[in-house]
Amino acid sequence: MPAPVIATLRFYLGGGGTDPARRQDAAARRREEATARVCGRLGPLRVAYGPAIETTDLAELDADEAARLATDRLREAIEGLELLARGTSAEDA
């Protein structure tokens, strides 16, 4: 046997090493605890869904123009949801 292998075995058998399975379990436990701490600081997930954006009237338009109009409508809807989440209205903003 090569000398490094023998030295490693002596180190491990002499109590100098740790069991790889225990080391992996400890790492997994630390990772789960860290994840729980981070998630605890983030607070609850908040998602707001509004009504569907009307796009049926865009079917006859050029694709670029239809995309621009649909995007404008979506931006307006997102702004409304953001105002709602802050507890303000469009008149207050």
PDB file of N, CA and C in Angstrom:
ATOM      1  N   MET A   1       0.843  -1.184   0.000  1.00  0.00           N
ATOM      2  CA  MET A   1       0.000   0.000   0.000  1.00  0.00           C
ATOM      3  C   MET A   1       0.888   1.247   0.000  1.00  0.00           C
ATOM      4  N   PRO A   2       0.464   2.252  -0.737  1.00  0.00           N
ATOM      5  CA  PRO A   2       1.236   3.497  -0.732  1.00  0.00           C
ATOM      6  C   PRO A   2       1.180   4.169   0.639  1.00  0.00           C
ATOM      7  N   ALA A   3       2.201   4.914   0.948  1.00  0.00           N
ATOM      8  CA  ALA A   3       2.317   5.577   2.257  1.00  0.00           C
ATOM      9  C   ALA A   3       1.153   6.533   2.552  1.00  0.00           C
ATOM     10  N   PRO A   4       0.659   7.334   1.569  1.00  0.00           N
ATOM     11  CA  PRO A   4      -0.465   8.237   1.901  1.00  0.00           C
ATOM     12  C   PRO A   4      -1.720   7.481   2.324  1.00  0.00           C
ATOM     13  N   VAL A   5      -1.971   6.334   1.712  1.00  0.00           N
ATOM     14  CA  VAL A   5      -3.157   5.553   2.083  1.00  0.00           C
ATOM     15  C   VAL A   5      -3.007   5.034   3.508  1.00  0.00           C
ATOM     16  N   ILE A   6      -1.832   4.524   3.831  1.00  0.00           N
ATOM     17  CA  ILE A   6      -1.588   4.007   5.181  1.00  0.00           C
ATOM     18  C   ILE A   6      -1.710   5.137   6.208  1.00  0.00           C
ATOM     19  N   ALA A   7      -1.160   6.298   5.887  1.00  0.00           N
ATOM     20  CA  ALA A   7      -1.250   7.439   6.806  1.00  0.00           C
ATOM     21  C   ALA A   7      -2.703   7.861   7.010  1.00  0.00           C
ATOM     22  N   THR A   8      -3.476   7.840   5.953  1.00  0.00           N
ATOM     23  CA  THR A   8      -4.896   8.204   6.045  1.00  0.00           C
ATOM     24  C   THR A   8      -5.643   7.208   6.906  1.00  0.00           C
ATOM     25  N   LEU A   9      -5.384   5.917   6.686  1.00  0.00           N
ATOM     26  CA  LEU A   9      -6.039   4.891   7.495  1.00  0.00           C
ATOM     27  C   LEU A   9      -5.668   5.029   8.970  1.00  0.00           C
ATOM     28  N   ARG A  10      -4.385   5.240   9.260  1.00  0.00           N
ATOM     29  CA  ARG A  10      -3.962   5.425  10.656  1.00  0.00           C
ATOM     30  C   ARG A  10      -4.664   6.628  11.294  1.00  0.00           C
ATOM     31  N   PHE A  11      -4.754   7.724  10.537  1.00  0.00           N
ATOM     32  CA  PHE A  11      -5.413   8.936  11.034  1.00  0.00           C
ATOM     33  C   PHE A  11      -6.875   8.639  11.350  1.00  0.00           C
ATOM     34  N   TYR A  12      -7.578   7.995  10.404  1.00  0.00           N
ATOM     35  CA  TYR A  12      -9.004   7.714  10.576  1.00  0.00           C
ATOM     36  C   TYR A  12      -9.231   6.727  11.713  1.00  0.00           C
ATOM     37  N   LEU A  13      -8.466   5.631  11.736  1.00  0.00           N
ATOM     38  CA  LEU A  13      -8.634   4.612  12.775  1.00  0.00           C
ATOM     39  C   LEU A  13      -8.224   5.119  14.151  1.00  0.00           C
ATOM     40  N   GLY A  14      -7.354   6.109  14.194  1.00  0.00           N
ATOM     41  CA  GLY A  14      -6.954   6.701  15.460  1.00  0.00           C
ATOM     42  C   GLY A  14      -7.954   7.719  15.989  1.00  0.00           C
ATOM     43  N   GLY A  15      -9.080   7.869  15.310  1.00  0.00           N
ATOM     44  CA  GLY A  15     -10.122   8.797  15.761  1.00  0.00           C
ATOM     45  C   GLY A  15      -9.950  10.200  15.225  1.00  0.00           C
ATOM     46  N   GLY A  16      -9.016  10.397  14.292  1.00  0.00           N
ATOM     47  CA  GLY A  16      -8.773  11.733  13.766  1.00  0.00           C
ATOM     48  C   GLY A  16      -9.713  12.136  12.661  1.00  0.00           C
ATOM     49  N   GLY A  17     -10.382  11.188  12.071  1.00  0.00           N
ATOM     50  CA  GLY A  17     -11.281  11.512  10.963  1.00  0.00           C
ATOM     51  C   GLY A  17     -12.734  11.403  11.379  1.00  0.00           C
ATOM     52  N   THR A  18     -13.609  11.871  10.535  1.00  0.00           N
ATOM     53  CA  THR A  18     -15.035  11.760  10.815  1.00  0.00           C
ATOM     54  C   THR A  18     -15.669  10.862   9.763  1.00  0.00           C
ATOM     55  N   ASP A  19     -16.745  10.250  10.148  1.00  0.00           N
ATOM     56  CA  ASP A  19     -17.482   9.374   9.252  1.00  0.00           C
ATOM     57  C   ASP A  19     -18.076  10.216   8.124  1.00  0.00           C
ATOM     58  N   PRO A  20     -17.830   9.831   6.862  1.00  0.00           N
ATOM     59  CA  PRO A  20     -18.364  10.626   5.745  1.00  0.00           C
ATOM     60  C   PRO A  20     -19.889  10.766   5.789  1.00  0.00           C
ATOM     61  N   ALA A  21     -20.575   9.712   6.203  1.00  0.00           N
ATOM     62  CA  ALA A  21     -22.042   9.791   6.275  1.00  0.00           C
ATOM     63  C   ALA A  21     -22.472  10.812   7.326  1.00  0.00           C
ATOM     64  N   ARG A  22     -21.796  10.812   8.466  1.00  0.00           N
ATOM     65  CA  ARG A  22     -22.115  11.810   9.504  1.00  0.00           C
ATOM     66  C   ARG A  22     -21.795  13.215   9.022  1.00  0.00           C
ATOM     67  N   ARG A  23     -20.679  13.351   8.324  1.00  0.00           N
ATOM     68  CA  ARG A  23     -20.285  14.660   7.804  1.00  0.00           C
ATOM     69  C   ARG A  23     -21.328  15.173   6.807  1.00  0.00           C
ATOM     70  N   GLN A  24     -21.821  14.271   5.936  1.00  0.00           N
ATOM     71  CA  GLN A  24     -22.854  14.674   4.972  1.00  0.00           C
ATOM     72  C   GLN A  24     -24.154  15.034   5.682  1.00  0.00           C
ATOM     73  N   ASP A  25     -24.527  14.236   6.691  1.00  0.00           N
ATOM     74  CA  ASP A  25     -25.745  14.536   7.453  1.00  0.00           C
ATOM     75  C   ASP A  25     -25.645  15.883   8.151  1.00  0.00           C
ATOM     76  N   ALA A  26     -24.479  16.150   8.736  1.00  0.00           N
ATOM     77  CA  ALA A  26     -24.285  17.430   9.419  1.00  0.00           C
ATOM     78  C   ALA A  26     -24.356  18.594   8.433  1.00  0.00           C
ATOM     79  N   ALA A  27     -23.759  18.407   7.250  1.00  0.00           N
ATOM     80  CA  ALA A  27     -23.807  19.464   6.233  1.00  0.00           C
ATOM     81  C   ALA A  27     -25.243  19.691   5.770  1.00  0.00           C
ATOM     82  N   ALA A  28     -25.991  18.614   5.586  1.00  0.00           N
ATOM     83  CA  ALA A  28     -27.391  18.751   5.165  1.00  0.00           C
ATOM     84  C   ALA A  28     -28.207  19.465   6.238  1.00  0.00           C
ATOM     85  N   ARG A  29     -27.958  19.113   7.498  1.00  0.00           N
ATOM     86  CA  ARG A  29     -28.679  19.760   8.601  1.00  0.00           C
ATOM     87  C   ARG A  29     -28.354  21.255   8.663  1.00  0.00           C
ATOM     88  N   ARG A  30     -27.071  21.598   8.520  1.00  0.00           N
ATOM     89  CA  ARG A  30     -26.685  23.028   8.521  1.00  0.00           C
ATOM     90  C   ARG A  30     -27.318  23.771   7.347  1.00  0.00           C
ATOM     91  N   ARG A  31     -27.359  23.121   6.184  1.00  0.00           N
ATOM     92  CA  ARG A  31     -27.956  23.749   5.005  1.00  0.00           C
ATOM     93  C   ARG A  31     -29.447  23.996   5.221  1.00  0.00           C
ATOM     94  N   GLU A  32     -30.158  23.004   5.788  1.00  0.00           N
ATOM     95  CA  GLU A  32     -31.589  23.164   6.041  1.00  0.00           C
ATOM     96  C   GLU A  32     -31.854  24.258   7.071  1.00  0.00           C
ATOM     97  N   GLU A  33     -31.013  24.324   8.104  1.00  0.00           N
ATOM     98  CA  GLU A  33     -31.167  25.373   9.112  1.00  0.00           C
ATOM     99  C   GLU A  33     -30.913  26.753   8.520  1.00  0.00           C
ATOM    100  N   ALA A  34     -29.908  26.864   7.662  1.00  0.00           N
ATOM    101  CA  ALA A  34     -29.612  28.149   7.024  1.00  0.00           C
ATOM    102  C   ALA A  34     -30.749  28.557   6.100  1.00  0.00           C
ATOM    103  N   THR A  35     -31.289  27.591   5.371  1.00  0.00           N
ATOM    104  CA  THR A  35     -32.421  27.883   4.480  1.00  0.00           C
ATOM    105  C   THR A  35     -33.615  28.368   5.290  1.00  0.00           C
ATOM    106  N   ALA A  36     -33.888  27.706   6.408  1.00  0.00           N
ATOM    107  CA  ALA A  36     -35.012  28.113   7.257  1.00  0.00           C
ATOM    108  C   ALA A  36     -34.809  29.523   7.800  1.00  0.00           C
ATOM    109  N   ARG A  37     -33.574  29.861   8.191  1.00  0.00           N
ATOM    110  CA  ARG A  37     -33.297  31.220   8.695  1.00  0.00           C
ATOM    111  C   ARG A  37     -33.542  32.264   7.608  1.00  0.00           C
ATOM    112  N   VAL A  38     -33.057  31.992   6.400  1.00  0.00           N
ATOM    113  CA  VAL A  38     -33.232  32.948   5.306  1.00  0.00           C
ATOM    114  C   VAL A  38     -34.709  33.094   4.963  1.00  0.00           C
ATOM    115  N   CYS A  39     -35.420  31.975   4.853  1.00  0.00           N
ATOM    116  CA  CYS A  39     -36.850  32.045   4.531  1.00  0.00           C
ATOM    117  C   CYS A  39     -37.627  32.762   5.629  1.00  0.00           C
ATOM    118  N   GLY A  40     -37.203  32.599   6.876  1.00  0.00           N
ATOM    119  CA  GLY A  40     -37.855  33.290   7.978  1.00  0.00           C
ATOM    120  C   GLY A  40     -37.701  34.798   7.890  1.00  0.00           C
ATOM    121  N   ARG A  41     -36.573  35.250   7.364  1.00  0.00           N
ATOM    122  CA  ARG A  41     -36.351  36.687   7.208  1.00  0.00           C
ATOM    123  C   ARG A  41     -37.118  37.262   6.033  1.00  0.00           C
ATOM    124  N   LEU A  42     -37.409  36.431   5.036  1.00  0.00           N
ATOM    125  CA  LEU A  42     -38.093  36.936   3.848  1.00  0.00           C
ATOM    126  C   LEU A  42     -39.573  37.184   4.092  1.00  0.00           C
ATOM    127  N   GLY A  43     -40.161  36.478   5.017  1.00  0.00           N
ATOM    128  CA  GLY A  43     -41.577  36.632   5.280  1.00  0.00           C
ATOM    129  C   GLY A  43     -42.401  35.839   4.283  1.00  0.00           C
ATOM    130  N   PRO A  44     -43.718  35.966   4.363  1.00  0.00           N
ATOM    131  CA  PRO A  44     -44.584  35.161   3.501  1.00  0.00           C
ATOM    132  C   PRO A  44     -44.496  35.610   2.039  1.00  0.00           C
ATOM    133  N   LEU A  45     -44.716  34.665   1.161  1.00  0.00           N
ATOM    134  CA  LEU A  45     -44.734  34.948  -0.265  1.00  0.00           C
ATOM    135  C   LEU A  45     -46.012  35.713  -0.590  1.00  0.00           C
ATOM    136  N   ARG A  46     -45.870  36.792  -1.308  1.00  0.00           N
ATOM    137  CA  ARG A  46     -47.032  37.599  -1.673  1.00  0.00           C
ATOM    138  C   ARG A  46     -47.112  37.689  -3.186  1.00  0.00           C
ATOM    139  N   VAL A  47     -48.234  37.250  -3.712  1.00  0.00           N
ATOM    140  CA  VAL A  47     -48.456  37.284  -5.150  1.00  0.00           C
ATOM    141  C   VAL A  47     -49.835  37.879  -5.379  1.00  0.00           C
ATOM    142  N   ALA A  48     -49.929  38.775  -6.324  1.00  0.00           N
ATOM    143  CA  ALA A  48     -51.217  39.372  -6.666  1.00  0.00           C
ATOM    144  C   ALA A  48     -51.542  39.063  -8.123  1.00  0.00           C
ATOM    145  N   TYR A  49     -52.717  38.535  -8.330  1.00  0.00           N
ATOM    146  CA  TYR A  49     -53.175  38.255  -9.684  1.00  0.00           C
ATOM    147  C   TYR A  49     -54.367  39.153  -9.971  1.00  0.00           C
ATOM    148  N   GLY A  50     -54.364  39.737 -11.116  1.00  0.00           N
ATOM    149  CA  GLY A  50     -55.483  40.565 -11.522  1.00  0.00           C
ATOM    150  C   GLY A  50     -56.288  39.851 -12.590  1.00  0.00           C
ATOM    151  N   PRO A  51     -57.282  40.516 -13.100  1.00  0.00           N
ATOM    152  CA  PRO A  51     -58.070  39.901 -14.171  1.00  0.00           C
ATOM    153  C   PRO A  51     -57.212  39.730 -15.428  1.00  0.00           C
ATOM    154  N   ALA A  52     -57.650  38.844 -16.284  1.00  0.00           N
ATOM    155  CA  ALA A  52     -56.932  38.605 -17.541  1.00  0.00           C
ATOM    156  C   ALA A  52     -56.893  39.878 -18.381  1.00  0.00           C
ATOM    157  N   ILE A  53     -55.837  40.055 -19.122  1.00  0.00           N
ATOM    158  CA  ILE A  53     -55.690  41.212 -20.000  1.00  0.00           C
ATOM    159  C   ILE A  53     -56.435  40.916 -21.295  1.00  0.00           C
ATOM    160  N   GLU A  54     -57.307  41.808 -21.678  1.00  0.00           N
ATOM    161  CA  GLU A  54     -58.094  41.631 -22.902  1.00  0.00           C
ATOM    162  C   GLU A  54     -57.200  41.809 -24.127  1.00  0.00           C
ATOM    163  N   THR A  55     -57.167  40.807 -24.984  1.00  0.00           N
ATOM    164  CA  THR A  55     -56.337  40.883 -26.196  1.00  0.00           C
ATOM    165  C   THR A  55     -57.080  40.453 -27.452  1.00  0.00           C
ATOM    166  N   THR A  56     -58.351  40.064 -27.325  1.00  0.00           N
ATOM    167  CA  THR A  56     -59.066  39.567 -28.510  1.00  0.00           C
ATOM    168  C   THR A  56     -59.195  40.634 -29.583  1.00  0.00           C
ATOM    169  N   ASP A  57     -59.253  41.899 -29.184  1.00  0.00           N
ATOM    170  CA  ASP A  57     -59.390  42.973 -30.162  1.00  0.00           C
ATOM    171  C   ASP A  57     -58.083  43.249 -30.907  1.00  0.00           C
ATOM    172  N   LEU A  58     -56.998  42.602 -30.525  1.00  0.00           N
ATOM    173  CA  LEU A  58     -55.707  42.832 -31.169  1.00  0.00           C
ATOM    174  C   LEU A  58     -55.423  41.840 -32.295  1.00  0.00           C
ATOM    175  N   ALA A  59     -56.296  40.895 -32.485  1.00  0.00           N
ATOM    176  CA  ALA A  59     -56.045  39.810 -33.451  1.00  0.00           C
ATOM    177  C   ALA A  59     -55.864  40.312 -34.877  1.00  0.00           C
ATOM    178  N   GLU A  60     -56.525  41.357 -35.249  1.00  0.00           N
ATOM    179  CA  GLU A  60     -56.471  41.847 -36.630  1.00  0.00           C
ATOM    180  C   GLU A  60     -55.315  42.818 -36.873  1.00  0.00           C
ATOM    181  N   LEU A  61     -54.617  43.188 -35.813  1.00  0.00           N
ATOM    182  CA  LEU A  61     -53.523  44.155 -35.955  1.00  0.00           C
ATOM    183  C   LEU A  61     -52.221  43.480 -36.374  1.00  0.00           C
ATOM    184  N   ASP A  62     -51.312  44.299 -36.868  1.00  0.00           N
ATOM    185  CA  ASP A  62     -49.957  43.845 -37.142  1.00  0.00           C
ATOM    186  C   ASP A  62     -49.368  43.291 -35.843  1.00  0.00           C
ATOM    187  N   ALA A  63     -48.564  42.237 -35.927  1.00  0.00           N
ATOM    188  CA  ALA A  63     -48.033  41.571 -34.732  1.00  0.00           C
ATOM    189  C   ALA A  63     -47.245  42.532 -33.849  1.00  0.00           C
ATOM    190  N   ASP A  64     -46.431  43.390 -34.444  1.00  0.00           N
ATOM    191  CA  ASP A  64     -45.645  44.337 -33.646  1.00  0.00           C
ATOM    192  C   ASP A  64     -46.537  45.325 -32.900  1.00  0.00           C
ATOM    193  N   GLU A  65     -47.538  45.836 -33.577  1.00  0.00           N
ATOM    194  CA  GLU A  65     -48.467  46.784 -32.955  1.00  0.00           C
ATOM    195  C   GLU A  65     -49.291  46.096 -31.877  1.00  0.00           C
ATOM    196  N   ALA A  66     -49.732  44.875 -32.147  1.00  0.00           N
ATOM    197  CA  ALA A  66     -50.517  44.130 -31.159  1.00  0.00           C
ATOM    198  C   ALA A  66     -49.669  43.860 -29.917  1.00  0.00           C
ATOM    199  N   ALA A  67     -48.414  43.506 -30.111  1.00  0.00           N
ATOM    200  CA  ALA A  67     -47.524  43.241 -28.975  1.00  0.00           C
ATOM    201  C   ALA A  67     -47.307  44.507 -28.160  1.00  0.00           C
ATOM    202  N   ARG A  68     -47.129  45.641 -28.835  1.00  0.00           N
ATOM    203  CA  ARG A  68     -46.933  46.901 -28.127  1.00  0.00           C
ATOM    204  C   ARG A  68     -48.159  47.261 -27.292  1.00  0.00           C
ATOM    205  N   LEU A  69     -49.352  47.152 -27.893  1.00  0.00           N
ATOM    206  CA  LEU A  69     -50.571  47.474 -27.165  1.00  0.00           C
ATOM    207  C   LEU A  69     -50.809  46.515 -25.990  1.00  0.00           C
ATOM    208  N   ALA A  70     -50.566  45.223 -26.216  1.00  0.00           N
ATOM    209  CA  ALA A  70     -50.749  44.247 -25.137  1.00  0.00           C
ATOM    210  C   ALA A  70     -49.774  44.526 -23.995  1.00  0.00           C
ATOM    211  N   THR A  71     -48.548  44.883 -24.330  1.00  0.00           N
ATOM    212  CA  THR A  71     -47.550  45.204 -23.309  1.00  0.00           C
ATOM    213  C   THR A  71     -47.957  46.444 -22.527  1.00  0.00           C
ATOM    214  N   ASP A  72     -48.465  47.453 -23.222  1.00  0.00           N
ATOM    215  CA  ASP A  72     -48.942  48.666 -22.537  1.00  0.00           C
ATOM    216  C   ASP A  72     -50.069  48.327 -21.563  1.00  0.00           C
ATOM    217  N   ARG A  73     -50.995  47.483 -22.000  1.00  0.00           N
ATOM    218  CA  ARG A  73     -52.109  47.096 -21.131  1.00  0.00           C
ATOM    219  C   ARG A  73     -51.595  46.326 -19.909  1.00  0.00           C
ATOM    220  N   LEU A  74     -50.637  45.465 -20.136  1.00  0.00           N
ATOM    221  CA  LEU A  74     -50.078  44.685 -19.036  1.00  0.00           C
ATOM    222  C   LEU A  74     -49.358  45.581 -18.039  1.00  0.00           C
ATOM    223  N   ARG A  75     -48.611  46.543 -18.548  1.00  0.00           N
ATOM    224  CA  ARG A  75     -47.918  47.484 -17.647  1.00  0.00           C
ATOM    225  C   ARG A  75     -48.913  48.257 -16.786  1.00  0.00           C
ATOM    226  N   GLU A  76     -50.002  48.705 -17.394  1.00  0.00           N
ATOM    227  CA  GLU A  76     -51.023  49.428 -16.633  1.00  0.00           C
ATOM    228  C   GLU A  76     -51.629  48.537 -15.556  1.00  0.00           C
ATOM    229  N   ALA A  77     -51.878  47.273 -15.900  1.00  0.00           N
ATOM    230  CA  ALA A  77     -52.452  46.347 -14.923  1.00  0.00           C
ATOM    231  C   ALA A  77     -51.472  46.096 -13.777  1.00  0.00           C
ATOM    232  N   ILE A  78     -50.200  45.952 -14.090  1.00  0.00           N
ATOM    233  CA  ILE A  78     -49.180  45.731 -13.054  1.00  0.00           C
ATOM    234  C   ILE A  78     -49.092  46.941 -12.144  1.00  0.00           C
ATOM    235  N   GLU A  79     -49.112  48.131 -12.714  1.00  0.00           N
ATOM    236  CA  GLU A  79     -49.075  49.349 -11.894  1.00  0.00           C
ATOM    237  C   GLU A  79     -50.270  49.405 -10.958  1.00  0.00           C
ATOM    238  N   GLY A  80     -51.441  49.016 -11.450  1.00  0.00           N
ATOM    239  CA  GLY A  80     -52.632  48.991 -10.608  1.00  0.00           C
ATOM    240  C   GLY A  80     -52.498  48.001  -9.458  1.00  0.00           C
ATOM    241  N   LEU A  81     -51.933  46.820  -9.738  1.00  0.00           N
ATOM    242  CA  LEU A  81     -51.727  45.830  -8.685  1.00  0.00           C
ATOM    243  C   LEU A  81     -50.705  46.322  -7.657  1.00  0.00           C
ATOM    244  N   GLU A  82     -49.663  47.003  -8.138  1.00  0.00           N
ATOM    245  CA  GLU A  82     -48.667  47.541  -7.211  1.00  0.00           C
ATOM    246  C   GLU A  82     -49.282  48.603  -6.304  1.00  0.00           C
ATOM    247  N   LEU A  83     -50.118  49.458  -6.854  1.00  0.00           N
ATOM    248  CA  LEU A  83     -50.801  50.465  -6.040  1.00  0.00           C
ATOM    249  C   LEU A  83     -51.709  49.795  -5.019  1.00  0.00           C
ATOM    250  N   LEU A  84     -52.415  48.772  -5.452  1.00  0.00           N
ATOM    251  CA  LEU A  84     -53.308  48.038  -4.563  1.00  0.00           C
ATOM    252  C   LEU A  84     -52.524  47.397  -3.421  1.00  0.00           C
ATOM    253  N   ALA A  85     -51.373  46.852  -3.735  1.00  0.00           N
ATOM    254  CA  ALA A  85     -50.536  46.211  -2.715  1.00  0.00           C
ATOM    255  C   ALA A  85     -50.033  47.235  -1.690  1.00  0.00           C
ATOM    256  N   ARG A  86     -49.807  48.453  -2.134  1.00  0.00           N
ATOM    257  CA  ARG A  86     -49.347  49.510  -1.225  1.00  0.00           C
ATOM    258  C   ARG A  86     -50.501  50.166  -0.484  1.00  0.00           C
ATOM    259  N   GLY A  87     -51.718  49.837  -0.865  1.00  0.00           N
ATOM    260  CA  GLY A  87     -52.884  50.419  -0.214  1.00  0.00           C
ATOM    261  C   GLY A  87     -53.225  51.805  -0.715  1.00  0.00           C
ATOM    262  N   THR A  88     -52.769  52.144  -1.918  1.00  0.00           N
ATOM    263  CA  THR A  88     -53.082  53.454  -2.500  1.00  0.00           C
ATOM    264  C   THR A  88     -53.885  53.252  -3.766  1.00  0.00           C
ATOM    265  N   SER A  89     -54.441  54.335  -4.259  1.00  0.00           N
ATOM    266  CA  SER A  89     -55.186  54.272  -5.504  1.00  0.00           C
ATOM    267  C   SER A  89     -54.464  55.118  -6.559  1.00  0.00           C
ATOM    268  N   ALA A  90     -54.930  55.004  -7.768  1.00  0.00           N
ATOM    269  CA  ALA A  90     -54.321  55.756  -8.862  1.00  0.00           C
ATOM    270  C   ALA A  90     -54.419  57.254  -8.615  1.00  0.00           C
ATOM    271  N   GLU A  91     -55.508  57.705  -7.945  1.00  0.00           N
ATOM    272  CA  GLU A  91     -55.682  59.135  -7.668  1.00  0.00           C
ATOM    273  C   GLU A  91     -54.665  59.611  -6.625  1.00  0.00           C
ATOM    274  N   ASP A  92     -54.305  58.702  -5.664  1.00  0.00           N
ATOM    275  CA  ASP A  92     -53.342  59.069  -4.613  1.00  0.00           C
ATOM    276  C   ASP A  92     -51.923  59.168  -5.153  1.00  0.00           C
ATOM    277  N   ALA A  93     -51.635  58.382  -6.184  1.00  0.00           N
ATOM    278  CA  ALA A  93     -50.256  58.287  -6.687  1.00  0.00           C
ATOM    279  C   ALA A  93     -49.842  59.461  -7.478  1.00  0.00           C
TER     280      ALA A  93
END
